[in-house]
């Protein structure tokens, strides 16, 4: 899957997309969607949706996650897929195991924080 057409991109001041706002699924409420494609709590006003996405930001993508019993981190993501790895760093010798997940992230990718 990829980003649905009814998700409106929301970018921070530098132009980086930090998520989307879904005006359709919970209308008349709005659903902020984070960069992994996960819904945040619904809100009733556009500024509240922007604030929720600003608070969530992108920093959480640097945290560790659990996937199929393994500790992983996100190596890369785009609007079609998420690549996670068991490697601790991007150093040449730190190979690890990679998994390519569909976007949006499903319940099998769990934040550990």
N, C-alpha and C. Protein backbone atom coordinates (compact mmCIF):
# COMPACT_ATOMS: atom_id res chain seq x y z
N UNK A 1 0.84 -1.18 0.00
CA UNK A 1 0.00 0.00 0.00
C UNK A 1 0.88 1.24 0.00
N UNK A 2 0.32 2.34 -0.28
CA UNK A 2 1.03 3.62 -0.18
C UNK A 2 0.09 4.63 0.47
N UNK A 3 0.53 5.86 0.54
CA UNK A 3 -0.27 6.90 1.19
C UNK A 3 -1.59 7.08 0.45
N UNK A 4 -2.71 6.93 1.15
CA UNK A 4 -4.01 7.13 0.50
C UNK A 4 -4.17 8.57 0.00
N UNK A 5 -4.93 8.72 -1.05
CA UNK A 5 -5.14 10.04 -1.66
C UNK A 5 -5.81 11.03 -0.72
N UNK A 6 -6.59 10.53 0.24
CA UNK A 6 -7.31 11.46 1.12
C UNK A 6 -6.49 11.90 2.34
N UNK A 7 -5.24 11.44 2.44
CA UNK A 7 -4.35 11.93 3.49
C UNK A 7 -3.66 13.18 2.97
N UNK A 8 -3.77 14.26 3.70
CA UNK A 8 -3.15 15.53 3.30
C UNK A 8 -1.80 15.65 3.99
N UNK A 9 -0.71 15.80 3.21
CA UNK A 9 0.62 15.87 3.84
C UNK A 9 0.75 17.10 4.74
N UNK A 10 1.43 16.91 5.85
CA UNK A 10 1.76 18.02 6.74
C UNK A 10 3.27 18.05 6.91
N UNK A 11 3.87 19.19 6.57
CA UNK A 11 5.32 19.34 6.63
C UNK A 11 5.70 20.39 7.67
N UNK A 12 6.84 20.18 8.28
CA UNK A 12 7.37 21.19 9.20
C UNK A 12 7.97 22.33 8.37
N UNK A 13 8.48 23.35 9.04
CA UNK A 13 8.94 24.55 8.36
C UNK A 13 10.02 24.31 7.31
N UNK A 14 10.86 23.28 7.50
CA UNK A 14 11.92 23.01 6.52
C UNK A 14 11.44 22.20 5.33
N UNK A 15 10.14 21.88 5.28
CA UNK A 15 9.58 21.15 4.15
C UNK A 15 9.51 19.65 4.33
N UNK A 16 10.10 19.12 5.40
CA UNK A 16 10.09 17.67 5.65
C UNK A 16 8.69 17.24 6.10
N UNK A 17 8.12 16.26 5.42
CA UNK A 17 6.80 15.75 5.79
C UNK A 17 6.92 14.94 7.08
N UNK A 18 6.15 15.33 8.09
CA UNK A 18 6.17 14.63 9.38
C UNK A 18 4.93 13.77 9.57
N UNK A 19 4.00 13.86 8.64
CA UNK A 19 2.79 13.07 8.73
C UNK A 19 1.72 13.60 7.80
N UNK A 20 0.51 13.14 8.05
CA UNK A 20 -0.62 13.51 7.22
C UNK A 20 -1.82 13.80 8.10
N UNK A 21 -2.80 14.47 7.50
CA UNK A 21 -4.06 14.71 8.20
C UNK A 21 -5.17 14.09 7.35
N UNK A 22 -5.90 13.19 7.98
CA UNK A 22 -7.00 12.49 7.32
C UNK A 22 -8.29 13.18 7.73
N UNK A 23 -8.94 13.82 6.75
CA UNK A 23 -10.18 14.54 7.02
C UNK A 23 -11.41 13.68 6.76
N UNK A 24 -11.22 12.48 6.27
CA UNK A 24 -12.32 11.66 5.79
C UNK A 24 -12.74 10.55 6.76
N UNK A 25 -11.80 9.79 7.26
CA UNK A 25 -12.10 8.56 8.01
C UNK A 25 -12.92 8.77 9.27
N UNK A 26 -12.76 9.87 9.96
CA UNK A 26 -13.48 10.13 11.21
C UNK A 26 -14.28 11.42 11.13
N UNK A 27 -14.62 11.85 9.92
CA UNK A 27 -15.33 13.11 9.73
C UNK A 27 -16.54 13.20 10.66
N UNK A 28 -16.76 14.33 11.26
CA UNK A 28 -16.12 15.63 11.03
C UNK A 28 -14.80 15.82 11.77
N UNK A 29 -14.39 14.84 12.56
CA UNK A 29 -13.10 14.96 13.24
C UNK A 29 -11.96 14.70 12.27
N UNK A 30 -10.76 15.07 12.69
CA UNK A 30 -9.56 14.89 11.88
C UNK A 30 -8.66 13.86 12.55
N UNK A 31 -7.97 13.09 11.73
CA UNK A 31 -7.06 12.08 12.26
C UNK A 31 -5.63 12.42 11.84
N UNK A 32 -4.79 12.85 12.78
CA UNK A 32 -3.37 13.02 12.45
C UNK A 32 -2.74 11.64 12.25
N UNK A 33 -1.91 11.50 11.24
CA UNK A 33 -1.26 10.24 10.91
C UNK A 33 0.25 10.47 10.97
N UNK A 34 0.96 9.67 11.77
CA UNK A 34 2.41 9.89 11.89
C UNK A 34 3.15 9.34 10.66
N UNK A 35 4.46 9.50 10.64
CA UNK A 35 5.27 9.16 9.47
C UNK A 35 5.32 7.66 9.18
N UNK A 36 4.94 6.84 10.16
CA UNK A 36 4.84 5.40 9.92
C UNK A 36 3.45 5.01 9.42
N UNK A 37 2.57 6.02 9.28
CA UNK A 37 1.22 5.75 8.81
C UNK A 37 0.27 5.32 9.90
N UNK A 38 0.62 5.64 11.14
CA UNK A 38 -0.22 5.26 12.28
C UNK A 38 -1.06 6.43 12.75
N UNK A 39 -2.31 6.13 13.04
CA UNK A 39 -3.24 7.16 13.49
C UNK A 39 -2.92 7.59 14.91
N UNK A 40 -2.94 8.89 15.13
CA UNK A 40 -2.87 9.48 16.46
C UNK A 40 -4.31 9.76 16.89
N UNK A 41 -4.54 10.13 18.14
CA UNK A 41 -5.91 10.42 18.57
C UNK A 41 -6.57 11.50 17.71
N UNK A 42 -7.85 11.31 17.44
CA UNK A 42 -8.59 12.27 16.62
C UNK A 42 -8.71 13.61 17.34
N UNK A 43 -8.83 14.64 16.54
CA UNK A 43 -9.00 16.01 17.04
C UNK A 43 -10.12 16.66 16.22
N UNK A 44 -10.61 17.79 16.69
CA UNK A 44 -11.72 18.42 15.98
C UNK A 44 -11.29 19.63 15.15
N UNK A 45 -10.09 20.14 15.40
CA UNK A 45 -9.65 21.35 14.69
C UNK A 45 -8.32 21.12 13.98
N UNK A 46 -8.16 21.75 12.81
CA UNK A 46 -6.93 21.62 12.02
C UNK A 46 -5.67 21.98 12.81
N UNK A 47 -5.65 23.12 13.54
CA UNK A 47 -4.44 23.45 14.31
C UNK A 47 -4.08 22.38 15.34
N UNK A 48 -5.08 21.71 15.89
CA UNK A 48 -4.81 20.64 16.85
C UNK A 48 -4.16 19.44 16.16
N UNK A 49 -4.55 19.16 14.94
CA UNK A 49 -3.93 18.07 14.17
C UNK A 49 -2.48 18.41 13.86
N UNK A 50 -2.23 19.66 13.46
CA UNK A 50 -0.85 20.10 13.20
C UNK A 50 0.00 20.01 14.46
N UNK A 51 -0.57 20.44 15.59
CA UNK A 51 0.16 20.40 16.85
C UNK A 51 0.50 18.95 17.25
N UNK A 52 -0.44 18.05 17.05
CA UNK A 52 -0.19 16.63 17.37
C UNK A 52 0.96 16.08 16.53
N UNK A 53 0.99 16.45 15.25
CA UNK A 53 2.06 15.98 14.38
C UNK A 53 3.39 16.65 14.71
N UNK A 54 3.35 17.92 15.08
CA UNK A 54 4.58 18.60 15.50
C UNK A 54 5.15 17.95 16.76
N UNK A 55 4.28 17.61 17.70
CA UNK A 55 4.72 16.95 18.94
C UNK A 55 5.32 15.58 18.64
N UNK A 56 4.67 14.82 17.78
CA UNK A 56 5.16 13.48 17.42
C UNK A 56 6.47 13.61 16.64
N UNK A 57 6.51 14.54 15.71
CA UNK A 57 7.72 14.81 14.95
C UNK A 57 8.29 13.59 14.26
N UNK A 58 9.61 13.59 14.07
CA UNK A 58 10.31 12.48 13.43
C UNK A 58 11.31 11.81 14.36
N UNK A 59 11.57 12.43 15.47
CA UNK A 59 12.58 11.90 16.39
C UNK A 59 12.29 10.47 16.84
N UNK A 60 11.01 10.13 16.98
CA UNK A 60 10.66 8.78 17.42
C UNK A 60 11.18 7.72 16.46
N UNK A 61 11.44 8.09 15.22
CA UNK A 61 11.94 7.14 14.24
C UNK A 61 13.36 6.68 14.57
N UNK A 62 14.06 7.40 15.42
CA UNK A 62 15.42 7.04 15.82
C UNK A 62 15.44 6.06 16.99
N UNK A 63 14.28 5.82 17.59
CA UNK A 63 14.19 4.92 18.73
C UNK A 63 14.24 3.46 18.28
N UNK A 64 14.33 2.58 19.23
CA UNK A 64 14.31 1.14 18.93
C UNK A 64 12.86 0.65 18.90
N UNK A 65 12.64 -0.37 18.09
CA UNK A 65 11.34 -1.00 17.93
C UNK A 65 11.51 -2.50 18.11
N UNK A 66 10.40 -3.21 18.23
CA UNK A 66 10.39 -4.67 18.25
C UNK A 66 9.67 -5.14 17.00
N UNK A 67 10.26 -6.16 16.36
CA UNK A 67 9.64 -6.77 15.19
C UNK A 67 9.95 -8.26 15.23
N UNK A 68 8.91 -9.07 15.29
CA UNK A 68 9.05 -10.53 15.32
C UNK A 68 10.05 -10.99 16.39
N UNK A 69 9.96 -10.41 17.57
CA UNK A 69 10.81 -10.80 18.68
C UNK A 69 12.22 -10.24 18.65
N UNK A 70 12.52 -9.42 17.66
CA UNK A 70 13.85 -8.83 17.53
C UNK A 70 13.80 -7.34 17.82
N UNK A 71 14.90 -6.83 18.37
CA UNK A 71 15.04 -5.39 18.51
C UNK A 71 15.55 -4.86 17.17
N UNK A 72 14.86 -3.87 16.65
CA UNK A 72 15.24 -3.29 15.35
C UNK A 72 15.21 -1.77 15.44
N UNK A 73 15.79 -1.17 14.43
CA UNK A 73 15.66 0.28 14.25
C UNK A 73 15.28 0.52 12.81
N UNK A 74 14.76 1.67 12.54
CA UNK A 74 14.34 1.99 11.18
C UNK A 74 15.56 2.45 10.40
N UNK A 75 15.83 1.78 9.32
CA UNK A 75 16.95 2.15 8.45
C UNK A 75 16.50 3.19 7.44
N UNK A 76 15.32 2.98 6.85
CA UNK A 76 14.78 3.95 5.88
C UNK A 76 13.28 3.75 5.76
N UNK A 77 12.61 4.76 5.26
CA UNK A 77 11.19 4.64 4.99
C UNK A 77 10.80 5.63 3.91
N UNK A 78 9.78 5.26 3.20
CA UNK A 78 9.18 6.18 2.23
C UNK A 78 7.68 5.93 2.25
N UNK A 79 6.97 6.45 1.29
CA UNK A 79 5.52 6.34 1.30
C UNK A 79 5.01 4.98 0.83
N UNK A 80 5.91 4.02 0.60
CA UNK A 80 5.52 2.70 0.12
C UNK A 80 6.06 1.56 0.97
N UNK A 81 7.16 1.81 1.70
CA UNK A 81 7.76 0.73 2.47
C UNK A 81 8.58 1.27 3.63
N UNK A 82 8.84 0.38 4.59
CA UNK A 82 9.64 0.70 5.77
C UNK A 82 10.71 -0.38 5.86
N UNK A 83 11.97 0.02 5.96
CA UNK A 83 13.06 -0.94 6.09
C UNK A 83 13.58 -0.85 7.51
N UNK A 84 13.54 -1.98 8.22
CA UNK A 84 14.08 -2.05 9.58
C UNK A 84 15.27 -2.99 9.58
N UNK A 85 16.16 -2.78 10.55
CA UNK A 85 17.36 -3.60 10.63
C UNK A 85 17.68 -3.93 12.08
N UNK A 86 18.34 -5.06 12.26
CA UNK A 86 18.83 -5.43 13.59
C UNK A 86 20.20 -4.82 13.84
N UNK A 87 20.82 -4.21 12.82
CA UNK A 87 22.13 -3.57 12.99
C UNK A 87 22.00 -2.40 13.96
N UNK A 88 22.99 -2.26 14.80
CA UNK A 88 22.98 -1.20 15.81
C UNK A 88 23.32 0.16 15.20
N UNK A 89 24.13 0.15 14.13
CA UNK A 89 24.55 1.40 13.50
C UNK A 89 24.60 1.21 11.99
N UNK A 90 25.00 2.24 11.28
CA UNK A 90 25.18 2.15 9.84
C UNK A 90 26.63 1.92 9.47
N UNK A 91 27.45 1.53 10.43
CA UNK A 91 28.86 1.26 10.16
C UNK A 91 29.00 0.10 9.17
N UNK A 92 30.04 0.12 8.37
CA UNK A 92 30.26 -0.88 7.33
C UNK A 92 30.21 -2.31 7.87
N UNK A 93 30.83 -2.58 8.99
CA UNK A 93 30.87 -3.93 9.53
C UNK A 93 29.63 -4.36 10.28
N UNK A 94 28.73 -3.45 10.56
CA UNK A 94 27.51 -3.75 11.31
C UNK A 94 26.39 -4.08 10.32
N UNK A 95 26.37 -5.33 9.87
CA UNK A 95 25.46 -5.73 8.81
C UNK A 95 24.04 -5.92 9.32
N UNK A 96 23.86 -6.75 10.30
CA UNK A 96 22.52 -7.00 10.82
C UNK A 96 21.63 -7.69 9.80
N UNK A 97 20.39 -7.86 10.18
CA UNK A 97 19.39 -8.47 9.31
C UNK A 97 18.35 -7.40 8.98
N UNK A 98 17.98 -7.29 7.70
CA UNK A 98 16.99 -6.29 7.29
C UNK A 98 15.66 -6.95 6.96
N UNK A 99 14.61 -6.19 7.24
CA UNK A 99 13.26 -6.61 6.91
C UNK A 99 12.57 -5.45 6.20
N UNK A 100 11.89 -5.74 5.11
CA UNK A 100 11.14 -4.73 4.38
C UNK A 100 9.67 -4.91 4.74
N UNK A 101 9.09 -3.87 5.31
CA UNK A 101 7.70 -3.91 5.76
C UNK A 101 6.86 -3.02 4.86
N UNK A 102 5.60 -3.38 4.73
CA UNK A 102 4.68 -2.55 3.97
C UNK A 102 4.39 -1.26 4.73
N UNK A 103 4.06 -0.23 3.99
CA UNK A 103 3.57 1.02 4.55
C UNK A 103 2.06 1.01 4.39
N UNK A 104 1.31 1.42 5.40
CA UNK A 104 1.73 1.87 6.71
C UNK A 104 2.17 0.70 7.59
N UNK A 105 2.90 1.04 8.64
CA UNK A 105 3.40 0.03 9.56
C UNK A 105 2.24 -0.70 10.22
N UNK A 106 2.34 -1.99 10.29
CA UNK A 106 1.31 -2.79 10.94
C UNK A 106 1.59 -2.96 12.42
N UNK A 107 0.75 -3.70 13.10
CA UNK A 107 0.90 -3.87 14.55
C UNK A 107 2.11 -4.71 14.94
N UNK A 108 2.77 -5.36 13.97
CA UNK A 108 3.93 -6.18 14.29
C UNK A 108 5.20 -5.35 14.50
N UNK A 109 5.16 -4.06 14.19
CA UNK A 109 6.26 -3.14 14.48
C UNK A 109 5.85 -2.32 15.70
N UNK A 110 6.53 -2.58 16.82
CA UNK A 110 6.11 -2.01 18.10
C UNK A 110 7.20 -1.12 18.67
N UNK A 111 6.82 0.08 19.06
CA UNK A 111 7.77 0.98 19.72
C UNK A 111 8.13 0.42 21.08
N UNK A 112 9.41 0.52 21.45
CA UNK A 112 9.84 -0.02 22.74
C UNK A 112 9.92 1.04 23.83
N UNK A 113 9.73 2.29 23.48
CA UNK A 113 9.82 3.36 24.49
C UNK A 113 8.48 3.67 25.09
